[in-house]
């Protein structure tokens, strides 16, 4: 389990690293929000973000918002001495998993992380895990982002269901015509337009276009 930590109090940062490493976690840490944003080459390698709110250059809330605008998502725990309800509300509006008020015991942080891990690793034979944040319930035909159901049209759900149940496999235009439209006179342009509308509302780029062939849903680890 790899964690990205933003904490500008050096003593606390070092204590968190030492404690979590002793429990088998792999930690990369920064004390400045802008340095973190510019210094990380691949955000997708992290399973969890732990961000302090009040940090130099870019604060934790602004950093998470900036990452989400660039379609970078991971379950997030905020840690902060800030107690204003506006800040706490903003954290949850951004979809944070939890909010931990300073000062806290390191064991308390560990318990929050373990609870997060338990929630994200519970297995269900009907649940297809697409990314860290996206899951698809093939029995109930529900796409969820961070456990929140995403509103899609019936046609969009049909397309997603076909792609998700054949994840990492290319579905060609002929298969889409037969399975989704149940007719052979639908042209490729119509299919492309419908898939484009679906892709435009997804928060992550999970549908890959295979030129002149069709589409596939990519599992992003």
C-alpha atoms as a PDB file:
ATOM      1  CA  UNK A   1       0.000   0.000   0.000  1.00  0.00           C
ATOM      2  CA  UNK A   2       1.589   3.265  -1.164  1.00  0.00           C
ATOM      3  CA  UNK A   3       0.704   6.578   0.520  1.00  0.00           C
ATOM      4  CA  UNK A   4       1.348  10.172  -0.560  1.00  0.00           C
ATOM      5  CA  UNK A   5       1.742  12.431   2.488  1.00  0.00           C
ATOM      6  CA  UNK A   6       1.603  16.246   2.583  1.00  0.00           C
ATOM      7  CA  UNK A   7       2.598  17.567   6.025  1.00  0.00           C
ATOM      8  CA  UNK A   8       4.658  20.699   6.682  1.00  0.00           C
ATOM      9  CA  UNK A   9       5.378  20.009  10.366  1.00  0.00           C
ATOM     10  CA  UNK A  10       8.637  18.111   9.942  1.00  0.00           C
ATOM     11  CA  UNK A  11       8.581  16.349  13.317  1.00  0.00           C
ATOM     12  CA  UNK A  12       5.027  15.125  12.739  1.00  0.00           C
ATOM     13  CA  UNK A  13       5.845  14.144   9.163  1.00  0.00           C
ATOM     14  CA  UNK A  14       8.822  12.077  10.292  1.00  0.00           C
ATOM     15  CA  UNK A  15       6.797  10.477  13.097  1.00  0.00           C
ATOM     16  CA  UNK A  16       4.008   9.503  10.660  1.00  0.00           C
ATOM     17  CA  UNK A  17       6.501   8.037   8.199  1.00  0.00           C
ATOM     18  CA  UNK A  18       8.341   6.012  10.836  1.00  0.00           C
ATOM     19  CA  UNK A  19       5.118   4.721  12.378  1.00  0.00           C
ATOM     20  CA  UNK A  20       3.375   3.733   9.125  1.00  0.00           C
ATOM     21  CA  UNK A  21       6.519   2.200   7.615  1.00  0.00           C
ATOM     22  CA  UNK A  22       6.724  -0.035  10.697  1.00  0.00           C
ATOM     23  CA  UNK A  23       3.294  -1.377   9.685  1.00  0.00           C
ATOM     24  CA  UNK A  24       4.386  -2.089   6.129  1.00  0.00           C
ATOM     25  CA  UNK A  25       3.190   1.043   4.340  1.00  0.00           C
ATOM     26  CA  UNK A  26       5.295   2.759   1.666  1.00  0.00           C
ATOM     27  CA  UNK A  27       5.322   6.565   2.126  1.00  0.00           C
ATOM     28  CA  UNK A  28       6.381   9.462  -0.087  1.00  0.00           C
ATOM     29  CA  UNK A  29       6.240  12.766   1.811  1.00  0.00           C
ATOM     30  CA  UNK A  30       6.293  16.466   0.983  1.00  0.00           C
ATOM     31  CA  UNK A  31       5.994  19.575   3.123  1.00  0.00           C
ATOM     32  CA  UNK A  32       5.007  22.016   0.369  1.00  0.00           C
ATOM     33  CA  UNK A  33       1.895  21.609  -1.791  1.00  0.00           C
ATOM     34  CA  UNK A  34       3.400  23.070  -4.945  1.00  0.00           C
ATOM     35  CA  UNK A  35       6.546  20.943  -4.631  1.00  0.00           C
ATOM     36  CA  UNK A  36       4.340  17.881  -4.297  1.00  0.00           C
ATOM     37  CA  UNK A  37       2.254  18.809  -7.335  1.00  0.00           C
ATOM     38  CA  UNK A  38       5.306  19.441  -9.508  1.00  0.00           C
ATOM     39  CA  UNK A  39       7.499  16.722  -8.011  1.00  0.00           C
ATOM     40  CA  UNK A  40       5.277  13.650  -8.353  1.00  0.00           C
ATOM     41  CA  UNK A  41       5.676  12.074 -11.781  1.00  0.00           C
ATOM     42  CA  UNK A  42       2.854   9.531 -11.474  1.00  0.00           C
ATOM     43  CA  UNK A  43      -0.014  10.065  -9.032  1.00  0.00           C
ATOM     44  CA  UNK A  44      -1.704   6.803 -10.042  1.00  0.00           C
ATOM     45  CA  UNK A  45       0.882   4.764  -8.120  1.00  0.00           C
ATOM     46  CA  UNK A  46      -0.579   5.968  -4.810  1.00  0.00           C
ATOM     47  CA  UNK A  47      -3.400   4.125  -3.070  1.00  0.00           C
ATOM     48  CA  UNK A  48      -4.101   6.832  -0.463  1.00  0.00           C
ATOM     49  CA  UNK A  49      -3.523  10.576  -0.118  1.00  0.00           C
ATOM     50  CA  UNK A  50      -2.974  12.032   3.364  1.00  0.00           C
ATOM     51  CA  UNK A  51      -3.014  15.843   3.141  1.00  0.00           C
ATOM     52  CA  UNK A  52      -2.653  18.504   5.779  1.00  0.00           C
ATOM     53  CA  UNK A  53      -4.886  21.450   4.970  1.00  0.00           C
ATOM     54  CA  UNK A  54      -2.706  24.357   6.072  1.00  0.00           C
ATOM     55  CA  UNK A  55       0.486  23.911   4.011  1.00  0.00           C
ATOM     56  CA  UNK A  56       2.769  26.315   2.089  1.00  0.00           C
ATOM     57  CA  UNK A  57       2.265  27.337  -1.563  1.00  0.00           C
ATOM     58  CA  UNK A  58      -0.773  25.137  -2.183  1.00  0.00           C
ATOM     59  CA  UNK A  59      -2.912  24.022   0.760  1.00  0.00           C
ATOM     60  CA  UNK A  60      -4.255  20.486   0.972  1.00  0.00           C
ATOM     61  CA  UNK A  61      -7.802  21.375  -0.081  1.00  0.00           C
ATOM     62  CA  UNK A  62      -6.663  23.347  -3.121  1.00  0.00           C
ATOM     63  CA  UNK A  63      -4.207  20.607  -4.020  1.00  0.00           C
ATOM     64  CA  UNK A  64      -6.880  17.905  -3.995  1.00  0.00           C
ATOM     65  CA  UNK A  65      -9.195  20.099  -6.052  1.00  0.00           C
ATOM     66  CA  UNK A  66      -6.386  20.742  -8.545  1.00  0.00           C
ATOM     67  CA  UNK A  67      -5.672  17.021  -8.846  1.00  0.00           C
ATOM     68  CA  UNK A  68      -9.341  16.194  -9.367  1.00  0.00           C
ATOM     69  CA  UNK A  69      -9.606  18.828 -12.116  1.00  0.00           C
ATOM     70  CA  UNK A  70      -6.835  16.871 -13.855  1.00  0.00           C
ATOM     71  CA  UNK A  71      -8.764  13.601 -13.312  1.00  0.00           C
ATOM     72  CA  UNK A  72      -6.389  12.351 -10.614  1.00  0.00           C
ATOM     73  CA  UNK A  73      -8.240  10.588  -7.831  1.00  0.00           C
ATOM     74  CA  UNK A  74      -7.388   8.542  -4.738  1.00  0.00           C
ATOM     75  CA  UNK A  75      -9.118   8.044  -1.373  1.00  0.00           C
ATOM     76  CA  UNK A  76      -8.037  10.988   0.792  1.00  0.00           C
ATOM     77  CA  UNK A  77      -7.643  11.563   4.530  1.00  0.00           C
ATOM     78  CA  UNK A  78      -7.242  15.182   5.658  1.00  0.00           C
ATOM     79  CA  UNK A  79      -5.332  16.045   8.830  1.00  0.00           C
ATOM     80  CA  UNK A  80      -5.503  19.547  10.264  1.00  0.00           C
ATOM     81  CA  UNK A  81      -5.697  21.704  13.373  1.00  0.00           C
ATOM     82  CA  UNK A  82      -8.340  23.769  11.578  1.00  0.00           C
ATOM     83  CA  UNK A  83     -11.764  23.430  13.174  1.00  0.00           C
ATOM     84  CA  UNK A  84     -13.831  25.857  11.058  1.00  0.00           C
ATOM     85  CA  UNK A  85     -16.889  24.076   9.729  1.00  0.00           C
ATOM     86  CA  UNK A  86     -16.393  25.719   6.315  1.00  0.00           C
ATOM     87  CA  UNK A  87     -13.029  23.993   5.860  1.00  0.00           C
ATOM     88  CA  UNK A  88     -14.328  20.675   7.112  1.00  0.00           C
ATOM     89  CA  UNK A  89     -17.366  20.926   4.829  1.00  0.00           C
ATOM     90  CA  UNK A  90     -15.125  21.726   1.846  1.00  0.00           C
ATOM     91  CA  UNK A  91     -13.040  18.628   2.594  1.00  0.00           C
ATOM     92  CA  UNK A  92     -16.095  16.383   2.479  1.00  0.00           C
ATOM     93  CA  UNK A  93     -17.506  18.173  -0.577  1.00  0.00           C
ATOM     94  CA  UNK A  94     -14.283  17.211  -2.342  1.00  0.00           C
ATOM     95  CA  UNK A  95     -15.010  13.614  -1.417  1.00  0.00           C
ATOM     96  CA  UNK A  96     -12.463  12.996   1.332  1.00  0.00           C
ATOM     97  CA  UNK A  97     -12.738   9.661   3.120  1.00  0.00           C
ATOM     98  CA  UNK A  98     -12.054  11.096   6.557  1.00  0.00           C
ATOM     99  CA  UNK A  99     -10.949  14.161   8.500  1.00  0.00           C
ATOM    100  CA  UNK A 100      -8.556  13.835  11.438  1.00  0.00           C
ATOM    101  CA  UNK A 101      -8.118  16.759  13.827  1.00  0.00           C
ATOM    102  CA  UNK A 102      -4.697  17.552  15.283  1.00  0.00           C
ATOM    103  CA  UNK A 103      -3.340  16.624  17.706  1.00  0.00           C
ATOM    104  CA  UNK A 104      -4.025  12.933  17.194  1.00  0.00           C
ATOM    105  CA  UNK A 105      -2.410   9.677  18.247  1.00  0.00           C
ATOM    106  CA  UNK A 106      -0.562   7.889  15.443  1.00  0.00           C
ATOM    107  CA  UNK A 107      -2.571   4.768  16.207  1.00  0.00           C
ATOM    108  CA  UNK A 108      -5.714   6.752  15.412  1.00  0.00           C
ATOM    109  CA  UNK A 109      -4.344   7.594  11.963  1.00  0.00           C
ATOM    110  CA  UNK A 110      -3.487   3.931  11.418  1.00  0.00           C
ATOM    111  CA  UNK A 111      -7.033   2.907  12.322  1.00  0.00           C
ATOM    112  CA  UNK A 112      -8.443   5.361   9.781  1.00  0.00           C
ATOM    113  CA  UNK A 113      -6.126   3.958   7.086  1.00  0.00           C
ATOM    114  CA  UNK A 114      -7.018   0.371   7.953  1.00  0.00           C
ATOM    115  CA  UNK A 115     -10.729   1.197   7.807  1.00  0.00           C
ATOM    116  CA  UNK A 116     -10.231   2.797   4.406  1.00  0.00           C
ATOM    117  CA  UNK A 117      -8.321  -0.256   3.167  1.00  0.00           C
ATOM    118  CA  UNK A 118     -11.025  -2.583   4.451  1.00  0.00           C
ATOM    119  CA  UNK A 119     -13.731  -0.599   2.683  1.00  0.00           C
ATOM    120  CA  UNK A 120     -11.862  -0.577  -0.621  1.00  0.00           C
ATOM    121  CA  UNK A 121     -10.792  -4.241  -0.627  1.00  0.00           C
ATOM    122  CA  UNK A 122     -14.023  -5.993   0.338  1.00  0.00           C
ATOM    123  CA  UNK A 123     -14.702  -8.468  -2.462  1.00  0.00           C
ATOM    124  CA  UNK A 124     -18.020  -9.037  -4.155  1.00  0.00           C
ATOM    125  CA  UNK A 125     -18.260 -11.316  -7.166  1.00  0.00           C
ATOM    126  CA  UNK A 126     -20.685  -8.846  -8.768  1.00  0.00           C
ATOM    127  CA  UNK A 127     -18.441  -5.806  -8.288  1.00  0.00           C
ATOM    128  CA  UNK A 128     -15.890  -5.007 -10.992  1.00  0.00           C
ATOM    129  CA  UNK A 129     -13.128  -2.727  -9.750  1.00  0.00           C
ATOM    130  CA  UNK A 130     -12.117  -0.478 -12.645  1.00  0.00           C
ATOM    131  CA  UNK A 131      -9.927   2.084 -10.859  1.00  0.00           C
ATOM    132  CA  UNK A 132      -9.243   3.087  -7.279  1.00  0.00           C
ATOM    133  CA  UNK A 133     -12.431   5.150  -7.383  1.00  0.00           C
ATOM    134  CA  UNK A 134     -14.637   3.554 -10.055  1.00  0.00           C
ATOM    135  CA  UNK A 135     -16.527   0.291  -9.504  1.00  0.00           C
ATOM    136  CA  UNK A 136     -19.252  -1.330 -11.551  1.00  0.00           C
ATOM    137  CA  UNK A 137     -21.997  -3.518 -10.076  1.00  0.00           C
ATOM    138  CA  UNK A 138     -22.821  -5.853 -12.940  1.00  0.00           C
ATOM    139  CA  UNK A 139     -25.829  -7.392 -11.177  1.00  0.00           C
ATOM    140  CA  UNK A 140     -27.583  -4.074 -10.524  1.00  0.00           C
ATOM    141  CA  UNK A 141     -25.953  -2.279 -13.481  1.00  0.00           C
ATOM    142  CA  UNK A 142     -24.659   0.595 -11.366  1.00  0.00           C
ATOM    143  CA  UNK A 143     -21.498   2.611 -11.920  1.00  0.00           C
ATOM    144  CA  UNK A 144     -20.126   4.156  -8.731  1.00  0.00           C
ATOM    145  CA  UNK A 145     -17.405   6.713  -8.193  1.00  0.00           C
ATOM    146  CA  UNK A 146     -16.087   6.729  -4.616  1.00  0.00           C
ATOM    147  CA  UNK A 147     -19.162   4.630  -3.652  1.00  0.00           C
ATOM    148  CA  UNK A 148     -21.552   7.221  -5.129  1.00  0.00           C
ATOM    149  CA  UNK A 149     -23.779   6.079  -7.972  1.00  0.00           C
ATOM    150  CA  UNK A 150     -23.243   7.936 -11.235  1.00  0.00           C
ATOM    151  CA  UNK A 151     -26.305   9.031 -13.198  1.00  0.00           C
ATOM    152  CA  UNK A 152     -26.251   7.579 -16.709  1.00  0.00           C
ATOM    153  CA  UNK A 153     -28.853   7.068 -19.426  1.00  0.00           C
ATOM    154  CA  UNK A 154     -30.116   3.587 -20.206  1.00  0.00           C
ATOM    155  CA  UNK A 155     -28.059   3.484 -23.421  1.00  0.00           C
ATOM    156  CA  UNK A 156     -24.924   4.601 -21.563  1.00  0.00           C
ATOM    157  CA  UNK A 157     -25.434   1.901 -18.954  1.00  0.00           C
ATOM    158  CA  UNK A 158     -25.867  -0.698 -21.702  1.00  0.00           C
ATOM    159  CA  UNK A 159     -22.590   0.352 -23.327  1.00  0.00           C
ATOM    160  CA  UNK A 160     -20.773   0.447 -19.993  1.00  0.00           C
ATOM    161  CA  UNK A 161     -22.140  -2.955 -19.000  1.00  0.00           C
ATOM    162  CA  UNK A 162     -20.866  -4.527 -22.210  1.00  0.00           C
ATOM    163  CA  UNK A 163     -17.430  -2.939 -21.800  1.00  0.00           C
ATOM    164  CA  UNK A 164     -17.153  -3.633 -18.055  1.00  0.00           C
ATOM    165  CA  UNK A 165     -18.095  -7.304 -18.353  1.00  0.00           C
ATOM    166  CA  UNK A 166     -15.379  -7.599 -21.007  1.00  0.00           C
ATOM    167  CA  UNK A 167     -12.845  -5.389 -19.249  1.00  0.00           C
ATOM    168  CA  UNK A 168      -9.497  -4.969 -21.046  1.00  0.00           C
ATOM    169  CA  UNK A 169     -10.980  -6.610 -24.153  1.00  0.00           C
ATOM    170  CA  UNK A 170     -11.744  -4.730 -27.375  1.00  0.00           C
ATOM    171  CA  UNK A 171     -15.440  -4.609 -28.294  1.00  0.00           C
ATOM    172  CA  UNK A 172     -15.817  -3.929 -32.011  1.00  0.00           C
ATOM    173  CA  UNK A 173     -18.521  -1.892 -33.722  1.00  0.00           C
ATOM    174  CA  UNK A 174     -20.323  -5.021 -34.922  1.00  0.00           C
ATOM    175  CA  UNK A 175     -20.679  -6.308 -31.357  1.00  0.00           C
ATOM    176  CA  UNK A 176     -21.902  -2.895 -30.192  1.00  0.00           C
ATOM    177  CA  UNK A 177     -24.464  -2.804 -33.017  1.00  0.00           C
ATOM    178  CA  UNK A 178     -25.770  -6.281 -32.169  1.00  0.00           C
ATOM    179  CA  UNK A 179     -25.734  -6.072 -28.348  1.00  0.00           C
ATOM    180  CA  UNK A 180     -26.723  -2.451 -27.737  1.00  0.00           C
ATOM    181  CA  UNK A 181     -28.899  -1.415 -30.701  1.00  0.00           C
ATOM    182  CA  UNK A 182     -30.091  -4.922 -31.668  1.00  0.00           C
ATOM    183  CA  UNK A 183     -29.930  -3.934 -35.322  1.00  0.00           C
ATOM    184  CA  UNK A 184     -27.313  -3.832 -38.057  1.00  0.00           C
ATOM    185  CA  UNK A 185     -28.169  -0.572 -39.832  1.00  0.00           C
ATOM    186  CA  UNK A 186     -26.685   1.719 -37.126  1.00  0.00           C
ATOM    187  CA  UNK A 187     -23.617   3.425 -38.546  1.00  0.00           C
ATOM    188  CA  UNK A 188     -20.287   3.805 -36.745  1.00  0.00           C
ATOM    189  CA  UNK A 189     -20.746   7.577 -36.424  1.00  0.00           C
ATOM    190  CA  UNK A 190     -23.880   7.077 -34.305  1.00  0.00           C
ATOM    191  CA  UNK A 191     -22.034   4.651 -32.024  1.00  0.00           C
ATOM    192  CA  UNK A 192     -19.068   7.015 -31.733  1.00  0.00           C
ATOM    193  CA  UNK A 193     -21.352   9.909 -30.782  1.00  0.00           C
ATOM    194  CA  UNK A 194     -23.022   7.878 -28.023  1.00  0.00           C
ATOM    195  CA  UNK A 195     -19.714   6.641 -26.600  1.00  0.00           C
ATOM    196  CA  UNK A 196     -18.328  10.191 -26.770  1.00  0.00           C
ATOM    197  CA  UNK A 197     -21.251  11.451 -24.657  1.00  0.00           C
ATOM    198  CA  UNK A 198     -20.549   8.709 -22.133  1.00  0.00           C
ATOM    199  CA  UNK A 199     -16.826   9.484 -22.003  1.00  0.00           C
ATOM    200  CA  UNK A 200     -17.500  13.210 -21.527  1.00  0.00           C
ATOM    201  CA  UNK A 201     -19.299  12.661 -18.219  1.00  0.00           C
ATOM    202  CA  UNK A 202     -16.829  10.165 -16.754  1.00  0.00           C
ATOM    203  CA  UNK A 203     -14.400  11.566 -14.197  1.00  0.00           C
ATOM    204  CA  UNK A 204     -11.534   9.353 -15.369  1.00  0.00           C
ATOM    205  CA  UNK A 205     -10.410   8.358 -18.849  1.00  0.00           C
ATOM    206  CA  UNK A 206     -11.308   4.677 -18.651  1.00  0.00           C
ATOM    207  CA  UNK A 207     -12.740   4.064 -22.132  1.00  0.00           C
ATOM    208  CA  UNK A 208     -10.092   3.648 -24.808  1.00  0.00           C
ATOM    209  CA  UNK A 209     -10.896   4.179 -28.486  1.00  0.00           C
ATOM    210  CA  UNK A 210      -9.396   1.535 -30.769  1.00  0.00           C
ATOM    211  CA  UNK A 211      -9.118   3.295 -34.126  1.00  0.00           C
ATOM    212  CA  UNK A 212     -11.489   1.939 -36.799  1.00  0.00           C
ATOM    213  CA  UNK A 213     -12.247  -1.083 -34.597  1.00  0.00           C
ATOM    214  CA  UNK A 214     -14.208  -0.174 -31.452  1.00  0.00           C
ATOM    215  CA  UNK A 215     -13.624   0.435 -27.742  1.00  0.00           C
ATOM    216  CA  UNK A 216     -12.390  -1.176 -24.559  1.00  0.00           C
ATOM    217  CA  UNK A 217     -12.665  -0.380 -20.870  1.00  0.00           C
ATOM    218  CA  UNK A 218      -9.242  -0.112 -19.263  1.00  0.00           C
ATOM    219  CA  UNK A 219      -8.601  -1.300 -15.727  1.00  0.00           C
ATOM    220  CA  UNK A 220      -6.359   1.306 -14.071  1.00  0.00           C
ATOM    221  CA  UNK A 221      -4.496  -0.024 -11.042  1.00  0.00           C
END
